[in-house]
Amino acid sequence: MLPFNLLFLVILAGAFFVASVKILQEYERAVVFRLGRIIGAKGPGLILLIPYIDRMMRVDLRTVTLDVPPQDIITRDNVSVKVSAVVYFRVVDSIKAIIDVADFHFATSQLAQTTLRSVCGQGDMDSLLSDREEINERIQTILDKDTEPWGVKVSKVEVKEIDLPEEMRRAMARQAEAERERRAKVINAEGEFQASQRLSEAAAIISQNPAALQLRYLQTLQDIASENNSTTIFPVPIDLFKAFFDKKS
């Protein structure tokens, strides 16, 4: 049996070893401070620290999905809307993310909210609805530039939802309905114009050949008779009365 002093030393050495060994995942880095001074970033895998002298802070290097809550925004044409977005970012420099900003996650979140309000407030409502890709790129560029000193890379920004006031929704619905009616009238008028052109061309062809007019007349009588009507109207060509008109004159 081991003496008490030796057993105590073994237990102390084991506790010291356990406290000094740390294991980091592939996506983690450890920013190590020794007596308050940074000595670098370590990991992934097995790292050794000096207990009570070294202190480490874990940093996750995976892409973070940040949900930006709806922001009250007044557009350039004085329309009040609520806009929400989602931001994708990750830490590319773990040392900067720890020593240059107190909480890079909270700081990025606050910066995303203010940038979203600023960019969306610079345009009117129509551009906010139609130029969403351009707005996403502008917000991403601004955020990426501002978070670079923190060792954070903003890879993508997406405007998620634009909540319009109820009266604005009704106005847009009326506008869309009026636009559909206008297009329907234009299409109808275009169809009538093309039909009148075809009729004019057909009349010109028939006028050059009277026999064609007679054939068309007989075809019309056949179509009327095929309807099983009790009354049949026979259209009489005006040419039959031409002699009487000439005699009267």
C-alpha atoms as a PDB file:
ATOM      1  CA  MET A   1       0.000   0.000   0.000  1.00  0.00           C
ATOM      2  CA  LEU A   2       1.307   3.424  -0.953  1.00  0.00           C
ATOM      3  CA  PRO A   3       2.216   5.847   1.818  1.00  0.00           C
ATOM      4  CA  PHE A   4      -0.243   8.640   2.443  1.00  0.00           C
ATOM      5  CA  ASN A   5       2.155  11.335   1.215  1.00  0.00           C
ATOM      6  CA  LEU A   6       2.862   9.485  -2.020  1.00  0.00           C
ATOM      7  CA  LEU A   7      -0.833   8.818  -2.577  1.00  0.00           C
ATOM      8  CA  PHE A   8      -1.557  12.499  -2.051  1.00  0.00           C
ATOM      9  CA  LEU A   9       1.055  13.444  -4.622  1.00  0.00           C
ATOM     10  CA  VAL A  10      -0.379  10.973  -7.138  1.00  0.00           C
ATOM     11  CA  ILE A  11      -3.887  12.363  -6.672  1.00  0.00           C
ATOM     12  CA  LEU A  12      -2.582  15.907  -6.948  1.00  0.00           C
ATOM     13  CA  ALA A  13      -0.668  15.077 -10.131  1.00  0.00           C
ATOM     14  CA  GLY A  14      -3.753  13.411 -11.599  1.00  0.00           C
ATOM     15  CA  ALA A  15      -5.920  16.430 -10.795  1.00  0.00           C
ATOM     16  CA  PHE A  16      -3.281  18.707 -12.257  1.00  0.00           C
ATOM     17  CA  PHE A  17      -3.151  16.652 -15.445  1.00  0.00           C
ATOM     18  CA  VAL A  18      -6.936  16.573 -15.802  1.00  0.00           C
ATOM     19  CA  ALA A  19      -7.144  20.346 -15.306  1.00  0.00           C
ATOM     20  CA  SER A  20      -4.413  20.997 -17.862  1.00  0.00           C
ATOM     21  CA  VAL A  21      -5.798  18.833 -20.681  1.00  0.00           C
ATOM     22  CA  LYS A  22      -8.471  20.294 -22.960  1.00  0.00           C
ATOM     23  CA  ILE A  23      -9.972  18.834 -26.124  1.00  0.00           C
ATOM     24  CA  LEU A  24     -11.307  21.067 -28.864  1.00  0.00           C
ATOM     25  CA  GLN A  25     -13.535  20.071 -31.747  1.00  0.00           C
ATOM     26  CA  GLU A  26     -12.525  20.665 -35.368  1.00  0.00           C
ATOM     27  CA  TYR A  27     -14.700  23.800 -35.564  1.00  0.00           C
ATOM     28  CA  GLU A  28     -13.411  25.259 -32.261  1.00  0.00           C
ATOM     29  CA  ARG A  29     -10.418  27.379 -31.339  1.00  0.00           C
ATOM     30  CA  ALA A  30      -9.083  28.278 -27.896  1.00  0.00           C
ATOM     31  CA  VAL A  31      -7.806  31.790 -27.262  1.00  0.00           C
ATOM     32  CA  VAL A  32      -5.327  31.278 -24.396  1.00  0.00           C
ATOM     33  CA  PHE A  33      -4.391  33.921 -21.821  1.00  0.00           C
ATOM     34  CA  ARG A  34      -1.419  33.435 -19.505  1.00  0.00           C
ATOM     35  CA  LEU A  35      -1.549  35.618 -16.445  1.00  0.00           C
ATOM     36  CA  GLY A  36      -3.852  37.974 -18.318  1.00  0.00           C
ATOM     37  CA  ARG A  37      -1.742  38.257 -21.455  1.00  0.00           C
ATOM     38  CA  ILE A  38      -2.745  36.548 -24.660  1.00  0.00           C
ATOM     39  CA  ILE A  39      -0.335  33.923 -25.949  1.00  0.00           C
ATOM     40  CA  GLY A  40      -2.260  32.847 -29.050  1.00  0.00           C
ATOM     41  CA  ALA A  41      -5.002  30.615 -30.390  1.00  0.00           C
ATOM     42  CA  LYS A  42      -4.766  26.824 -30.128  1.00  0.00           C
ATOM     43  CA  GLY A  43      -6.671  23.883 -31.469  1.00  0.00           C
ATOM     44  CA  PRO A  44      -8.323  21.847 -32.666  1.00  0.00           C
ATOM     45  CA  GLY A  45      -7.543  18.603 -30.848  1.00  0.00           C
ATOM     46  CA  LEU A  46      -5.674  18.111 -27.591  1.00  0.00           C
ATOM     47  CA  ILE A  47      -4.113  21.146 -25.918  1.00  0.00           C
ATOM     48  CA  LEU A  48      -2.301  21.526 -22.601  1.00  0.00           C
ATOM     49  CA  LEU A  49      -2.770  24.438 -20.216  1.00  0.00           C
ATOM     50  CA  ILE A  50      -1.099  25.394 -16.982  1.00  0.00           C
ATOM     51  CA  PRO A  51      -3.795  25.252 -14.313  1.00  0.00           C
ATOM     52  CA  TYR A  52      -4.546  28.504 -12.494  1.00  0.00           C
ATOM     53  CA  ILE A  53      -2.098  30.311 -14.800  1.00  0.00           C
ATOM     54  CA  ASP A  54      -3.556  29.761 -18.247  1.00  0.00           C
ATOM     55  CA  ARG A  55      -7.164  30.614 -19.084  1.00  0.00           C
ATOM     56  CA  MET A  56      -8.828  29.832 -22.364  1.00  0.00           C
ATOM     57  CA  MET A  57     -11.938  31.053 -24.161  1.00  0.00           C
ATOM     58  CA  ARG A  58     -13.599  28.837 -26.748  1.00  0.00           C
ATOM     59  CA  VAL A  59     -14.581  30.349 -30.100  1.00  0.00           C
ATOM     60  CA  ASP A  60     -16.930  28.584 -32.511  1.00  0.00           C
ATOM     61  CA  LEU A  61     -15.853  29.025 -36.144  1.00  0.00           C
ATOM     62  CA  ARG A  62     -19.064  27.684 -37.683  1.00  0.00           C
ATOM     63  CA  THR A  63     -21.464  29.930 -39.581  1.00  0.00           C
ATOM     64  CA  VAL A  64     -24.000  31.536 -37.277  1.00  0.00           C
ATOM     65  CA  THR A  65     -27.571  32.287 -38.372  1.00  0.00           C
ATOM     66  CA  LEU A  66     -28.623  35.579 -36.833  1.00  0.00           C
ATOM     67  CA  ASP A  67     -32.321  36.428 -36.898  1.00  0.00           C
ATOM     68  CA  VAL A  68     -32.834  40.200 -37.063  1.00  0.00           C
ATOM     69  CA  PRO A  69     -36.202  41.063 -35.439  1.00  0.00           C
ATOM     70  CA  PRO A  70     -38.701  43.287 -37.320  1.00  0.00           C
ATOM     71  CA  GLN A  71     -37.560  46.898 -37.444  1.00  0.00           C
ATOM     72  CA  ASP A  72     -39.868  49.913 -37.734  1.00  0.00           C
ATOM     73  CA  ILE A  73     -38.727  51.786 -40.830  1.00  0.00           C
ATOM     74  CA  ILE A  74     -40.006  54.930 -42.543  1.00  0.00           C
ATOM     75  CA  THR A  75     -39.148  54.911 -46.233  1.00  0.00           C
ATOM     76  CA  ARG A  76     -38.144  57.933 -48.266  1.00  0.00           C
ATOM     77  CA  ASP A  77     -41.751  58.394 -49.442  1.00  0.00           C
ATOM     78  CA  ASN A  78     -42.980  58.412 -45.800  1.00  0.00           C
ATOM     79  CA  VAL A  79     -44.417  54.887 -45.665  1.00  0.00           C
ATOM     80  CA  SER A  80     -44.112  53.076 -42.332  1.00  0.00           C
ATOM     81  CA  VAL A  81     -43.169  49.398 -42.699  1.00  0.00           C
ATOM     82  CA  LYS A  82     -41.719  46.599 -40.592  1.00  0.00           C
ATOM     83  CA  VAL A  83     -38.735  44.768 -42.082  1.00  0.00           C
ATOM     84  CA  SER A  84     -37.033  41.650 -40.736  1.00  0.00           C
ATOM     85  CA  ALA A  85     -33.917  39.918 -42.023  1.00  0.00           C
ATOM     86  CA  VAL A  86     -31.515  37.059 -41.443  1.00  0.00           C
ATOM     87  CA  VAL A  87     -27.714  37.416 -41.343  1.00  0.00           C
ATOM     88  CA  TYR A  88     -25.147  34.647 -41.869  1.00  0.00           C
ATOM     89  CA  PHE A  89     -21.703  35.269 -40.369  1.00  0.00           C
ATOM     90  CA  ARG A  90     -18.743  33.390 -38.924  1.00  0.00           C
ATOM     91  CA  VAL A  91     -15.541  34.114 -37.021  1.00  0.00           C
ATOM     92  CA  VAL A  92     -12.425  34.114 -39.189  1.00  0.00           C
ATOM     93  CA  ASP A  93     -10.006  35.493 -36.581  1.00  0.00           C
ATOM     94  CA  SER A  94     -10.665  34.104 -33.120  1.00  0.00           C
ATOM     95  CA  ILE A  95      -8.168  36.412 -31.389  1.00  0.00           C
ATOM     96  CA  LYS A  96      -9.783  39.594 -32.739  1.00  0.00           C
ATOM     97  CA  ALA A  97     -13.234  38.246 -31.897  1.00  0.00           C
ATOM     98  CA  ILE A  98     -12.198  37.972 -28.241  1.00  0.00           C
ATOM     99  CA  ILE A  99      -9.902  40.928 -27.555  1.00  0.00           C
ATOM    100  CA  ASP A 100     -11.297  43.610 -29.921  1.00  0.00           C
ATOM    101  CA  VAL A 101     -14.990  43.387 -28.967  1.00  0.00           C
ATOM    102  CA  ALA A 102     -16.701  42.440 -25.726  1.00  0.00           C
ATOM    103  CA  ASP A 103     -19.397  40.245 -27.344  1.00  0.00           C
ATOM    104  CA  PHE A 104     -19.054  39.837 -31.093  1.00  0.00           C
ATOM    105  CA  HIS A 105     -22.406  38.066 -31.405  1.00  0.00           C
ATOM    106  CA  PHE A 106     -24.339  40.857 -29.647  1.00  0.00           C
ATOM    107  CA  ALA A 107     -22.350  43.558 -31.457  1.00  0.00           C
ATOM    108  CA  THR A 108     -23.066  42.001 -34.853  1.00  0.00           C
ATOM    109  CA  SER A 109     -26.750  41.721 -33.982  1.00  0.00           C
ATOM    110  CA  GLN A 110     -27.027  45.390 -33.002  1.00  0.00           C
ATOM    111  CA  LEU A 111     -25.074  46.509 -36.043  1.00  0.00           C
ATOM    112  CA  ALA A 112     -27.325  44.430 -38.315  1.00  0.00           C
ATOM    113  CA  GLN A 113     -30.444  46.102 -36.890  1.00  0.00           C
ATOM    114  CA  THR A 114     -29.152  49.645 -37.341  1.00  0.00           C
ATOM    115  CA  THR A 115     -27.815  48.911 -40.824  1.00  0.00           C
ATOM    116  CA  LEU A 116     -31.133  47.377 -41.870  1.00  0.00           C
ATOM    117  CA  ARG A 117     -33.008  50.491 -40.755  1.00  0.00           C
ATOM    118  CA  SER A 118     -30.526  52.797 -42.440  1.00  0.00           C
ATOM    119  CA  VAL A 119     -30.418  51.062 -45.828  1.00  0.00           C
ATOM    120  CA  CYS A 120     -34.149  50.402 -46.096  1.00  0.00           C
ATOM    121  CA  GLY A 121     -34.975  53.956 -45.023  1.00  0.00           C
ATOM    122  CA  GLN A 122     -32.935  55.422 -47.885  1.00  0.00           C
ATOM    123  CA  GLY A 123     -35.262  54.067 -50.602  1.00  0.00           C
ATOM    124  CA  ASP A 124     -38.951  54.348 -51.359  1.00  0.00           C
ATOM    125  CA  MET A 125     -41.485  51.592 -50.876  1.00  0.00           C
ATOM    126  CA  ASP A 126     -41.463  50.439 -54.518  1.00  0.00           C
ATOM    127  CA  SER A 127     -37.693  49.961 -54.527  1.00  0.00           C
ATOM    128  CA  LEU A 128     -37.916  48.177 -51.182  1.00  0.00           C
ATOM    129  CA  LEU A 129     -40.296  45.640 -52.700  1.00  0.00           C
ATOM    130  CA  SER A 130     -38.699  45.253 -56.130  1.00  0.00           C
ATOM    131  CA  ASP A 131     -34.948  45.713 -55.493  1.00  0.00           C
ATOM    132  CA  ARG A 132     -34.570  43.253 -52.628  1.00  0.00           C
ATOM    133  CA  GLU A 133     -31.419  41.639 -54.046  1.00  0.00           C
ATOM    134  CA  GLU A 134     -29.697  45.017 -54.278  1.00  0.00           C
ATOM    135  CA  ILE A 135     -30.701  45.853 -50.702  1.00  0.00           C
ATOM    136  CA  ASN A 136     -29.345  42.512 -49.489  1.00  0.00           C
ATOM    137  CA  GLU A 137     -25.996  43.167 -51.156  1.00  0.00           C
ATOM    138  CA  ARG A 138     -25.743  46.694 -49.740  1.00  0.00           C
ATOM    139  CA  ILE A 139     -26.456  45.529 -46.191  1.00  0.00           C
ATOM    140  CA  GLN A 140     -24.003  42.629 -46.530  1.00  0.00           C
ATOM    141  CA  THR A 141     -21.245  44.926 -47.823  1.00  0.00           C
ATOM    142  CA  ILE A 142     -21.708  47.427 -44.991  1.00  0.00           C
ATOM    143  CA  LEU A 143     -21.841  44.752 -42.280  1.00  0.00           C
ATOM    144  CA  ASP A 144     -18.825  42.905 -43.644  1.00  0.00           C
ATOM    145  CA  LYS A 145     -16.780  46.103 -43.681  1.00  0.00           C
ATOM    146  CA  ASP A 146     -17.801  47.144 -40.156  1.00  0.00           C
ATOM    147  CA  THR A 147     -17.272  43.706 -38.576  1.00  0.00           C
ATOM    148  CA  GLU A 148     -13.901  43.054 -40.207  1.00  0.00           C
ATOM    149  CA  PRO A 149     -11.948  44.604 -37.272  1.00  0.00           C
ATOM    150  CA  TRP A 150     -13.711  42.102 -34.996  1.00  0.00           C
ATOM    151  CA  GLY A 151     -12.521  39.108 -37.018  1.00  0.00           C
ATOM    152  CA  VAL A 152     -16.075  38.436 -38.222  1.00  0.00           C
ATOM    153  CA  LYS A 153     -17.017  37.694 -41.826  1.00  0.00           C
ATOM    154  CA  VAL A 154     -20.617  38.417 -42.919  1.00  0.00           C
ATOM    155  CA  SER A 155     -21.233  36.067 -45.823  1.00  0.00           C
ATOM    156  CA  LYS A 156     -24.881  36.713 -46.633  1.00  0.00           C
ATOM    157  CA  VAL A 157     -27.868  38.885 -45.715  1.00  0.00           C
ATOM    158  CA  GLU A 158     -31.465  38.189 -46.692  1.00  0.00           C
ATOM    159  CA  VAL A 159     -34.437  40.489 -46.131  1.00  0.00           C
ATOM    160  CA  LYS A 160     -36.956  37.998 -44.809  1.00  0.00           C
ATOM    161  CA  GLU A 161     -40.282  39.823 -44.535  1.00  0.00           C
ATOM    162  CA  ILE A 162     -41.705  43.251 -45.317  1.00  0.00           C
ATOM    163  CA  ASP A 163     -44.883  43.974 -43.356  1.00  0.00           C
ATOM    164  CA  LEU A 164     -46.969  46.744 -44.940  1.00  0.00           C
ATOM    165  CA  PRO A 165     -49.790  48.672 -43.214  1.00  0.00           C
ATOM    166  CA  GLU A 166     -53.301  47.406 -43.924  1.00  0.00           C
ATOM    167  CA  GLU A 167     -54.361  50.541 -45.803  1.00  0.00           C
ATOM    168  CA  MET A 168     -51.265  50.266 -47.993  1.00  0.00           C
ATOM    169  CA  ARG A 169     -52.099  46.650 -48.777  1.00  0.00           C
ATOM    170  CA  ARG A 170     -55.612  47.643 -49.848  1.00  0.00           C
ATOM    171  CA  ALA A 171     -54.262  50.457 -52.028  1.00  0.00           C
ATOM    172  CA  MET A 172     -51.784  48.106 -53.695  1.00  0.00           C
ATOM    173  CA  ALA A 173     -54.545  45.546 -54.274  1.00  0.00           C
ATOM    174  CA  ARG A 174     -56.702  48.206 -55.957  1.00  0.00           C
ATOM    175  CA  GLN A 175     -53.750  49.307 -58.051  1.00  0.00           C
ATOM    176  CA  ALA A 176     -53.025  45.741 -59.129  1.00  0.00           C
ATOM    177  CA  GLU A 177     -56.685  45.188 -60.033  1.00  0.00           C
ATOM    178  CA  ALA A 178     -56.765  48.403 -62.075  1.00  0.00           C
ATOM    179  CA  GLU A 179     -53.596  47.334 -63.862  1.00  0.00           C
ATOM    180  CA  ARG A 180     -55.129  43.953 -64.732  1.00  0.00           C
ATOM    181  CA  GLU A 181     -58.262  45.650 -66.077  1.00  0.00           C
ATOM    182  CA  ARG A 182     -56.143  48.026 -68.149  1.00  0.00           C
ATOM    183  CA  ARG A 183     -54.203  45.139 -69.666  1.00  0.00           C
ATOM    184  CA  ALA A 184     -57.426  43.255 -70.409  1.00  0.00           C
ATOM    185  CA  LYS A 185     -58.866  46.283 -72.216  1.00  0.00           C
ATOM    186  CA  VAL A 186     -55.671  46.749 -74.210  1.00  0.00           C
ATOM    187  CA  ILE A 187     -55.650  43.089 -75.238  1.00  0.00           C
ATOM    188  CA  ASN A 188     -59.352  43.247 -76.166  1.00  0.00           C
ATOM    189  CA  ALA A 189     -58.828  46.394 -78.226  1.00  0.00           C
ATOM    190  CA  GLU A 190     -55.825  44.844 -79.935  1.00  0.00           C
ATOM    191  CA  GLY A 191     -57.896  41.782 -80.793  1.00  0.00           C
ATOM    192  CA  GLU A 192     -60.710  43.889 -82.243  1.00  0.00           C
ATOM    193  CA  PHE A 193     -58.216  45.889 -84.261  1.00  0.00           C
ATOM    194  CA  GLN A 194     -56.668  42.757 -85.736  1.00  0.00           C
ATOM    195  CA  ALA A 195     -60.142  41.315 -86.454  1.00  0.00           C
ATOM    196  CA  SER A 196     -61.180  44.526 -88.242  1.00  0.00           C
ATOM    197  CA  GLN A 197     -58.031  44.365 -90.326  1.00  0.00           C
ATOM    198  CA  ARG A 198     -58.823  40.799 -91.355  1.00  0.00           C
ATOM    199  CA  LEU A 199     -62.424  41.698 -92.183  1.00  0.00           C
ATOM    200  CA  SER A 200     -61.252  44.649 -94.260  1.00  0.00           C
ATOM    201  CA  GLU A 201     -58.860  42.413 -96.175  1.00  0.00           C
ATOM    202  CA  ALA A 202     -61.597  39.799 -96.714  1.00  0.00           C
ATOM    203  CA  ALA A 203     -64.035  42.450 -97.945  1.00  0.00           C
ATOM    204  CA  ALA A 204     -61.439  43.746-100.384  1.00  0.00           C
ATOM    205  CA  ILE A 205     -60.888  40.240-101.778  1.00  0.00           C
ATOM    206  CA  ILE A 206     -64.613  39.500-102.052  1.00  0.00           C
ATOM    207  CA  SER A 207     -65.301  42.848-103.772  1.00  0.00           C
ATOM    208  CA  GLN A 208     -62.890  41.896-106.535  1.00  0.00           C
ATOM    209  CA  ASN A 209     -64.793  38.633-107.216  1.00  0.00           C
ATOM    210  CA  PRO A 210     -68.648  38.864-107.044  1.00  0.00           C
ATOM    211  CA  ALA A 211     -68.938  35.085-107.320  1.00  0.00           C
ATOM    212  CA  ALA A 212     -67.156  34.769-103.976  1.00  0.00           C
ATOM    213  CA  LEU A 213     -69.831  37.001-102.419  1.00  0.00           C
ATOM    214  CA  GLN A 214     -72.566  34.689-103.710  1.00  0.00           C
ATOM    215  CA  LEU A 215     -70.765  31.639-102.327  1.00  0.00           C
ATOM    216  CA  ARG A 216     -70.454  33.347 -98.961  1.00  0.00           C
ATOM    217  CA  TYR A 217     -74.149  34.185 -99.099  1.00  0.00           C
ATOM    218  CA  LEU A 218     -75.096  30.544 -99.733  1.00  0.00           C
ATOM    219  CA  GLN A 219     -72.788  29.361 -96.955  1.00  0.00           C
ATOM    220  CA  THR A 220     -74.459  31.732 -94.531  1.00  0.00           C
ATOM    221  CA  LEU A 221     -77.912  30.381 -95.470  1.00  0.00           C
ATOM    222  CA  GLN A 222     -76.647  26.850 -94.847  1.00  0.00           C
ATOM    223  CA  ASP A 223     -75.325  27.799 -91.414  1.00  0.00           C
ATOM    224  CA  ILE A 224     -78.643  29.412 -90.466  1.00  0.00           C
ATOM    225  CA  ALA A 225     -80.689  26.422 -91.670  1.00  0.00           C
ATOM    226  CA  SER A 226     -78.524  23.988 -89.666  1.00  0.00           C
ATOM    227  CA  GLU A 227     -79.533  25.615 -86.372  1.00  0.00           C
ATOM    228  CA  ASN A 228     -83.099  24.100 -86.529  1.00  0.00           C
ATOM    229  CA  ASN A 229     -84.693  27.507 -86.113  1.00  0.00           C
ATOM    230  CA  SER A 230     -88.447  27.943 -86.637  1.00  0.00           C
ATOM    231  CA  THR A 231     -87.831  31.200 -88.473  1.00  0.00           C
ATOM    232  CA  THR A 232     -85.267  31.615 -91.186  1.00  0.00           C
ATOM    233  CA  ILE A 233     -84.195  35.046 -92.402  1.00  0.00           C
ATOM    234  CA  PHE A 234     -82.957  35.292 -95.963  1.00  0.00           C
ATOM    235  CA  PRO A 235     -80.676  38.256 -96.469  1.00  0.00           C
ATOM    236  CA  VAL A 236     -81.310  39.828 -99.884  1.00  0.00           C
ATOM    237  CA  PRO A 237     -78.329  41.324-101.690  1.00  0.00           C
ATOM    238  CA  ILE A 238     -78.681  45.033-102.300  1.00  0.00           C
ATOM    239  CA  ASP A 239     -77.656  44.465-105.926  1.00  0.00           C
ATOM    240  CA  LEU A 240     -81.148  43.157-106.706  1.00  0.00           C
ATOM    241  CA  PHE A 241     -82.594  46.599-106.061  1.00  0.00           C
ATOM    242  CA  LYS A 242     -79.912  48.475-107.936  1.00  0.00           C
ATOM    243  CA  ALA A 243     -82.014  48.616-111.159  1.00  0.00           C
ATOM    244  CA  PHE A 244     -84.944  50.174-109.308  1.00  0.00           C
ATOM    245  CA  PHE A 245     -82.698  52.764-107.719  1.00  0.00           C
ATOM    246  CA  ASP A 246     -81.195  53.666-111.103  1.00  0.00           C
ATOM    247  CA  LYS A 247     -84.658  53.935-112.692  1.00  0.00           C
ATOM    248  CA  LYS A 248     -85.933  56.155-109.921  1.00  0.00           C
ATOM    249  CA  SER A 249     -83.014  58.464-110.241  1.00  0.00           C
END
